[in-house]
Amino acid sequence: MLETTGAWIAAAAISHGAGWLAVPSPPPGSGGGFDWGKVHPDPTAVPRSDLFYTIMNALMFMGGVAALCGFVAGLIAFGVGPIFGAHIISDRGRSMMWKGALIAVLVGSATTIIPWLISQ
């Protein structure tokens, strides 16, 4: 069965190969196609865009609060771990502090990162 399938593929490639490799008709010109330069976000086209921005600001605030809580929990674990001899908890607290600080920076700078990505 595998041999007959291979023979069929080889025969189809030989008989139709020239058609598959031919130049498309009509060839793409310089004036045709979609102009990607005219595509840009338009907040006035979205109904109730003020509600969208209110929701996004609330989510950003909650993300900042969650990152701060993670940082504080990591700080507590990092500080309390060695007192009780739990060095694993202290190490995990240290990594929580780094993650919380990084997420806080990313959430706080989202209003700068997103417009930069859109402008590229």
N, C-alpha and C. Protein backbone atom coordinates (compact mmCIF):
# COMPACT_ATOMS: atom_id res chain seq x y z
N MET A 1 0.82 -1.18 0.00
CA MET A 1 0.00 0.00 0.00
C MET A 1 0.87 1.25 0.00
N LEU A 2 1.93 1.23 0.77
CA LEU A 2 2.82 2.37 0.84
C LEU A 2 3.55 2.59 -0.48
N GLU A 3 3.85 1.50 -1.16
CA GLU A 3 4.53 1.62 -2.46
C GLU A 3 3.61 2.23 -3.51
N THR A 4 2.34 1.83 -3.50
CA THR A 4 1.40 2.38 -4.48
C THR A 4 1.12 3.85 -4.19
N THR A 5 1.08 4.23 -2.90
CA THR A 5 0.88 5.63 -2.55
C THR A 5 2.07 6.46 -3.01
N GLY A 6 3.26 5.94 -2.80
CA GLY A 6 4.46 6.65 -3.26
C GLY A 6 4.50 6.78 -4.76
N ALA A 7 4.09 5.73 -5.47
CA ALA A 7 4.06 5.79 -6.93
C ALA A 7 3.03 6.80 -7.40
N TRP A 8 1.87 6.85 -6.73
CA TRP A 8 0.84 7.82 -7.11
C TRP A 8 1.31 9.25 -6.88
N ILE A 9 1.98 9.51 -5.77
CA ILE A 9 2.50 10.86 -5.47
C ILE A 9 3.55 11.24 -6.50
N ALA A 10 4.43 10.32 -6.88
CA ALA A 10 5.46 10.61 -7.87
C ALA A 10 4.83 10.91 -9.22
N ALA A 11 3.81 10.12 -9.62
CA ALA A 11 3.14 10.36 -10.91
C ALA A 11 2.41 11.69 -10.91
N ALA A 12 1.75 12.04 -9.80
CA ALA A 12 1.04 13.31 -9.72
C ALA A 12 2.02 14.48 -9.75
N ALA A 13 3.16 14.32 -9.10
CA ALA A 13 4.15 15.40 -9.09
C ALA A 13 4.74 15.62 -10.47
N ILE A 14 4.94 14.55 -11.23
CA ILE A 14 5.49 14.68 -12.58
C ILE A 14 4.47 15.30 -13.52
N SER A 15 3.20 14.86 -13.44
CA SER A 15 2.20 15.35 -14.39
C SER A 15 1.71 16.76 -14.06
N HIS A 16 1.61 17.10 -12.80
CA HIS A 16 1.09 18.42 -12.41
C HIS A 16 2.17 19.36 -11.89
N GLY A 17 3.39 18.92 -11.82
CA GLY A 17 4.47 19.72 -11.23
C GLY A 17 4.69 21.04 -11.93
N ALA A 18 4.59 21.07 -13.24
CA ALA A 18 4.80 22.32 -13.97
C ALA A 18 3.71 23.32 -13.64
N GLY A 19 2.49 22.85 -13.47
CA GLY A 19 1.38 23.74 -13.13
C GLY A 19 1.50 24.30 -11.72
N TRP A 20 2.05 23.50 -10.81
CA TRP A 20 2.22 23.95 -9.42
C TRP A 20 3.32 25.00 -9.30
N LEU A 21 4.33 24.92 -10.16
CA LEU A 21 5.45 25.84 -10.09
C LEU A 21 5.31 27.03 -11.02
N ALA A 22 4.22 27.10 -11.79
CA ALA A 22 4.05 28.20 -12.75
C ALA A 22 3.81 29.52 -12.03
N VAL A 23 4.12 30.61 -12.72
CA VAL A 23 3.90 31.95 -12.17
C VAL A 23 2.40 32.20 -12.10
N PRO A 24 1.89 32.73 -11.01
CA PRO A 24 0.44 32.95 -10.90
C PRO A 24 -0.02 33.97 -11.93
N SER A 25 -1.25 33.81 -12.35
CA SER A 25 -1.81 34.72 -13.36
C SER A 25 -2.95 35.48 -12.71
N PRO A 26 -3.07 36.74 -12.73
CA PRO A 26 -2.07 37.73 -13.17
C PRO A 26 -1.01 37.93 -12.09
N PRO A 27 0.18 38.33 -12.49
CA PRO A 27 1.23 38.53 -11.49
C PRO A 27 0.91 39.72 -10.59
N PRO A 28 1.30 39.64 -9.33
CA PRO A 28 1.01 40.76 -8.43
C PRO A 28 1.76 42.01 -8.87
N GLY A 29 1.04 43.12 -8.91
CA GLY A 29 1.63 44.38 -9.32
C GLY A 29 1.96 45.26 -8.14
N SER A 30 2.56 46.38 -8.43
CA SER A 30 2.94 47.29 -7.35
C SER A 30 1.76 48.08 -6.82
N GLY A 31 0.70 48.25 -7.62
CA GLY A 31 -0.43 49.07 -7.19
C GLY A 31 -1.53 48.29 -6.52
N GLY A 32 -1.53 46.97 -6.64
CA GLY A 32 -2.61 46.18 -6.07
C GLY A 32 -2.32 45.75 -4.65
N GLY A 33 -3.32 45.18 -4.03
CA GLY A 33 -3.14 44.66 -2.69
C GLY A 33 -3.73 45.56 -1.63
N PHE A 34 -3.55 45.18 -0.41
CA PHE A 34 -4.12 45.88 0.73
C PHE A 34 -3.10 46.87 1.28
N ASP A 35 -3.53 48.08 1.57
CA ASP A 35 -2.64 49.10 2.10
C ASP A 35 -2.66 49.04 3.63
N TRP A 36 -1.64 48.41 4.20
CA TRP A 36 -1.57 48.26 5.66
C TRP A 36 -1.24 49.56 6.36
N GLY A 37 -0.77 50.55 5.63
CA GLY A 37 -0.45 51.83 6.23
C GLY A 37 -1.67 52.60 6.70
N LYS A 38 -2.85 52.26 6.17
CA LYS A 38 -4.07 52.96 6.55
C LYS A 38 -4.79 52.30 7.72
N VAL A 39 -4.28 51.18 8.20
CA VAL A 39 -4.91 50.48 9.30
C VAL A 39 -4.38 51.05 10.61
N HIS A 40 -5.27 51.53 11.45
CA HIS A 40 -4.89 52.06 12.76
C HIS A 40 -6.10 51.96 13.68
N PRO A 41 -5.87 51.88 14.98
CA PRO A 41 -6.99 51.79 15.92
C PRO A 41 -7.77 53.09 15.96
N ASP A 42 -9.08 52.98 16.00
CA ASP A 42 -9.96 54.14 16.05
C ASP A 42 -10.89 54.01 17.23
N PRO A 43 -10.59 54.68 18.36
CA PRO A 43 -11.43 54.52 19.54
C PRO A 43 -12.83 55.10 19.37
N THR A 44 -13.01 56.01 18.41
CA THR A 44 -14.34 56.59 18.21
C THR A 44 -15.28 55.60 17.52
N ALA A 45 -14.74 54.56 16.87
CA ALA A 45 -15.57 53.58 16.18
C ALA A 45 -16.13 52.53 17.14
N VAL A 46 -15.61 52.46 18.34
CA VAL A 46 -16.07 51.48 19.31
C VAL A 46 -17.19 52.10 20.14
N PRO A 47 -18.35 51.43 20.20
CA PRO A 47 -19.42 51.97 21.04
C PRO A 47 -19.06 51.84 22.51
N ARG A 48 -19.34 52.87 23.25
CA ARG A 48 -19.08 52.92 24.70
C ARG A 48 -17.62 52.65 25.02
N SER A 49 -16.73 53.36 24.33
CA SER A 49 -15.29 53.16 24.58
C SER A 49 -14.90 53.63 25.98
N ASP A 50 -15.65 54.56 26.56
CA ASP A 50 -15.34 55.01 27.91
C ASP A 50 -15.52 53.88 28.91
N LEU A 51 -16.51 53.00 28.69
CA LEU A 51 -16.71 51.85 29.56
C LEU A 51 -15.53 50.88 29.44
N PHE A 52 -15.06 50.68 28.22
CA PHE A 52 -13.90 49.81 27.99
C PHE A 52 -12.68 50.34 28.74
N TYR A 53 -12.42 51.65 28.64
CA TYR A 53 -11.26 52.23 29.33
C TYR A 53 -11.43 52.17 30.84
N THR A 54 -12.64 52.31 31.34
CA THR A 54 -12.88 52.19 32.78
C THR A 54 -12.57 50.77 33.26
N ILE A 55 -13.02 49.77 32.49
CA ILE A 55 -12.76 48.38 32.85
C ILE A 55 -11.26 48.09 32.80
N MET A 56 -10.57 48.58 31.77
CA MET A 56 -9.13 48.33 31.65
C MET A 56 -8.35 49.00 32.79
N ASN A 57 -8.76 50.22 33.16
CA ASN A 57 -8.08 50.89 34.28
C ASN A 57 -8.31 50.13 35.59
N ALA A 58 -9.53 49.59 35.77
CA ALA A 58 -9.81 48.82 36.98
C ALA A 58 -8.98 47.53 37.00
N LEU A 59 -8.87 46.86 35.85
CA LEU A 59 -8.06 45.64 35.79
C LEU A 59 -6.58 45.95 36.03
N MET A 60 -6.12 47.08 35.51
CA MET A 60 -4.73 47.45 35.73
C MET A 60 -4.48 47.75 37.21
N PHE A 61 -5.43 48.42 37.86
CA PHE A 61 -5.29 48.71 39.28
C PHE A 61 -5.28 47.41 40.09
N MET A 62 -6.19 46.47 39.75
CA MET A 62 -6.23 45.21 40.47
C MET A 62 -4.96 44.40 40.23
N GLY A 63 -4.40 44.47 39.01
CA GLY A 63 -3.13 43.79 38.74
C GLY A 63 -1.99 44.37 39.56
N GLY A 64 -1.98 45.70 39.70
CA GLY A 64 -0.95 46.34 40.52
C GLY A 64 -1.09 45.97 41.98
N VAL A 65 -2.32 45.92 42.48
CA VAL A 65 -2.55 45.53 43.88
C VAL A 65 -2.13 44.07 44.10
N ALA A 66 -2.46 43.19 43.13
CA ALA A 66 -2.08 41.77 43.27
C ALA A 66 -0.56 41.61 43.25
N ALA A 67 0.12 42.38 42.40
CA ALA A 67 1.59 42.30 42.35
C ALA A 67 2.18 42.82 43.66
N LEU A 68 1.61 43.87 44.22
CA LEU A 68 2.10 44.40 45.49
C LEU A 68 1.86 43.39 46.62
N CYS A 69 0.70 42.73 46.61
CA CYS A 69 0.43 41.71 47.64
C CYS A 69 1.40 40.53 47.51
N GLY A 70 1.71 40.13 46.28
CA GLY A 70 2.69 39.06 46.09
C GLY A 70 4.06 39.46 46.57
N PHE A 71 4.43 40.72 46.34
CA PHE A 71 5.72 41.21 46.81
C PHE A 71 5.78 41.22 48.34
N VAL A 72 4.70 41.70 48.97
CA VAL A 72 4.67 41.76 50.44
C VAL A 72 4.67 40.35 51.04
N ALA A 73 3.91 39.41 50.43
CA ALA A 73 3.91 38.03 50.93
C ALA A 73 5.30 37.41 50.80
N GLY A 74 5.97 37.68 49.68
CA GLY A 74 7.33 37.19 49.51
C GLY A 74 8.29 37.80 50.51
N LEU A 75 8.11 39.08 50.80
CA LEU A 75 8.95 39.76 51.79
C LEU A 75 8.77 39.15 53.18
N ILE A 76 7.52 38.85 53.51
CA ILE A 76 7.25 38.23 54.81
C ILE A 76 7.87 36.84 54.88
N ALA A 77 7.69 36.04 53.81
CA ALA A 77 8.26 34.70 53.80
C ALA A 77 9.78 34.75 53.83
N PHE A 78 10.36 35.70 53.13
CA PHE A 78 11.82 35.85 53.11
C PHE A 78 12.35 36.24 54.48
N GLY A 79 11.60 37.08 55.19
CA GLY A 79 12.05 37.53 56.51
C GLY A 79 11.80 36.53 57.61
N VAL A 80 10.68 35.81 57.55
CA VAL A 80 10.29 34.91 58.63
C VAL A 80 10.93 33.53 58.46
N GLY A 81 11.24 33.13 57.23
CA GLY A 81 11.79 31.79 56.97
C GLY A 81 13.01 31.46 57.80
N PRO A 82 14.06 32.29 57.82
CA PRO A 82 15.25 31.94 58.60
C PRO A 82 15.02 31.92 60.12
N ILE A 83 14.04 32.67 60.59
CA ILE A 83 13.77 32.68 62.03
C ILE A 83 13.33 31.30 62.50
N PHE A 84 12.49 30.64 61.68
CA PHE A 84 11.98 29.31 62.05
C PHE A 84 12.81 28.18 61.44
N GLY A 85 13.90 28.50 60.78
CA GLY A 85 14.76 27.48 60.19
C GLY A 85 14.21 26.90 58.90
N ALA A 86 13.29 27.60 58.25
CA ALA A 86 12.70 27.12 57.00
C ALA A 86 13.34 27.89 55.85
N HIS A 87 14.51 27.41 55.44
CA HIS A 87 15.25 28.12 54.40
C HIS A 87 14.61 27.95 53.02
N ILE A 88 13.86 26.87 52.82
CA ILE A 88 13.15 26.68 51.55
C ILE A 88 12.08 27.76 51.39
N ILE A 89 11.37 28.04 52.48
CA ILE A 89 10.35 29.09 52.44
C ILE A 89 11.01 30.45 52.20
N SER A 90 12.16 30.65 52.79
CA SER A 90 12.88 31.90 52.58
C SER A 90 13.30 32.05 51.12
N ASP A 91 13.77 30.98 50.49
CA ASP A 91 14.14 31.05 49.08
C ASP A 91 12.93 31.29 48.19
N ARG A 92 11.82 30.65 48.51
CA ARG A 92 10.60 30.88 47.73
C ARG A 92 10.09 32.30 47.94
N GLY A 93 10.24 32.82 49.11
CA GLY A 93 9.84 34.21 49.36
C GLY A 93 10.67 35.18 48.55
N ARG A 94 11.97 34.90 48.45
CA ARG A 94 12.84 35.75 47.64
C ARG A 94 12.42 35.72 46.18
N SER A 95 12.09 34.53 45.65
CA SER A 95 11.65 34.46 44.25
C SER A 95 10.29 35.12 44.08
N MET A 96 9.42 35.04 45.09
CA MET A 96 8.13 35.75 45.01
C MET A 96 8.33 37.25 44.96
N MET A 97 9.33 37.74 45.70
CA MET A 97 9.60 39.19 45.68
C MET A 97 10.04 39.62 44.29
N TRP A 98 10.93 38.85 43.65
CA TRP A 98 11.38 39.20 42.30
C TRP A 98 10.23 39.16 41.31
N LYS A 99 9.40 38.12 41.39
CA LYS A 99 8.27 38.00 40.47
C LYS A 99 7.26 39.13 40.71
N GLY A 100 6.98 39.43 41.95
CA GLY A 100 6.03 40.51 42.25
C GLY A 100 6.53 41.85 41.76
N ALA A 101 7.82 42.11 41.93
CA ALA A 101 8.38 43.39 41.46
C ALA A 101 8.36 43.46 39.94
N LEU A 102 8.68 42.36 39.27
CA LEU A 102 8.66 42.35 37.80
C LEU A 102 7.25 42.55 37.26
N ILE A 103 6.28 41.87 37.84
CA ILE A 103 4.90 42.02 37.39
C ILE A 103 4.40 43.43 37.67
N ALA A 104 4.78 44.02 38.80
CA ALA A 104 4.37 45.39 39.10
C ALA A 104 4.93 46.36 38.07
N VAL A 105 6.18 46.14 37.65
CA VAL A 105 6.76 47.01 36.61
C VAL A 105 6.04 46.83 35.29
N LEU A 106 5.73 45.58 34.91
CA LEU A 106 5.04 45.34 33.65
C LEU A 106 3.62 45.90 33.66
N VAL A 107 2.90 45.73 34.76
CA VAL A 107 1.54 46.27 34.83
C VAL A 107 1.58 47.79 34.85
N GLY A 108 2.53 48.35 35.56
CA GLY A 108 2.61 49.81 35.64
C GLY A 108 3.02 50.46 34.34
N SER A 109 3.82 49.75 33.54
CA SER A 109 4.27 50.34 32.29
C SER A 109 3.45 49.88 31.09
N ALA A 110 2.33 49.21 31.32
CA ALA A 110 1.49 48.74 30.20
C ALA A 110 0.97 49.89 29.36
N THR A 111 0.71 51.03 29.99
CA THR A 111 0.21 52.18 29.21
C THR A 111 1.29 52.76 28.32
N THR A 112 2.53 52.43 28.55
CA THR A 112 3.62 52.86 27.67
C THR A 112 3.97 51.77 26.66
N ILE A 113 3.93 50.51 27.08
CA ILE A 113 4.31 49.40 26.21
C ILE A 113 3.30 49.20 25.07
N ILE A 114 2.01 49.23 25.38
CA ILE A 114 0.99 48.95 24.36
C ILE A 114 0.99 50.01 23.27
N PRO A 115 1.01 51.32 23.55
CA PRO A 115 1.09 52.28 22.44
C PRO A 115 2.37 52.15 21.62
N TRP A 116 3.48 51.76 22.26
CA TRP A 116 4.72 51.55 21.50
C TRP A 116 4.57 50.39 20.54
N LEU A 117 3.92 49.29 21.01
CA LEU A 117 3.71 48.14 20.14
C LEU A 117 2.76 48.47 18.99
N ILE A 118 1.75 49.28 19.24
CA ILE A 118 0.81 49.67 18.19
C ILE A 118 1.49 50.55 17.16
N SER A 119 2.41 51.40 17.57
CA SER A 119 3.05 52.32 16.64
C SER A 119 4.09 51.64 15.76
N GLN A 120 4.53 50.43 16.12
CA GLN A 120 5.56 49.73 15.33
C GLN A 120 4.99 49.13 14.08
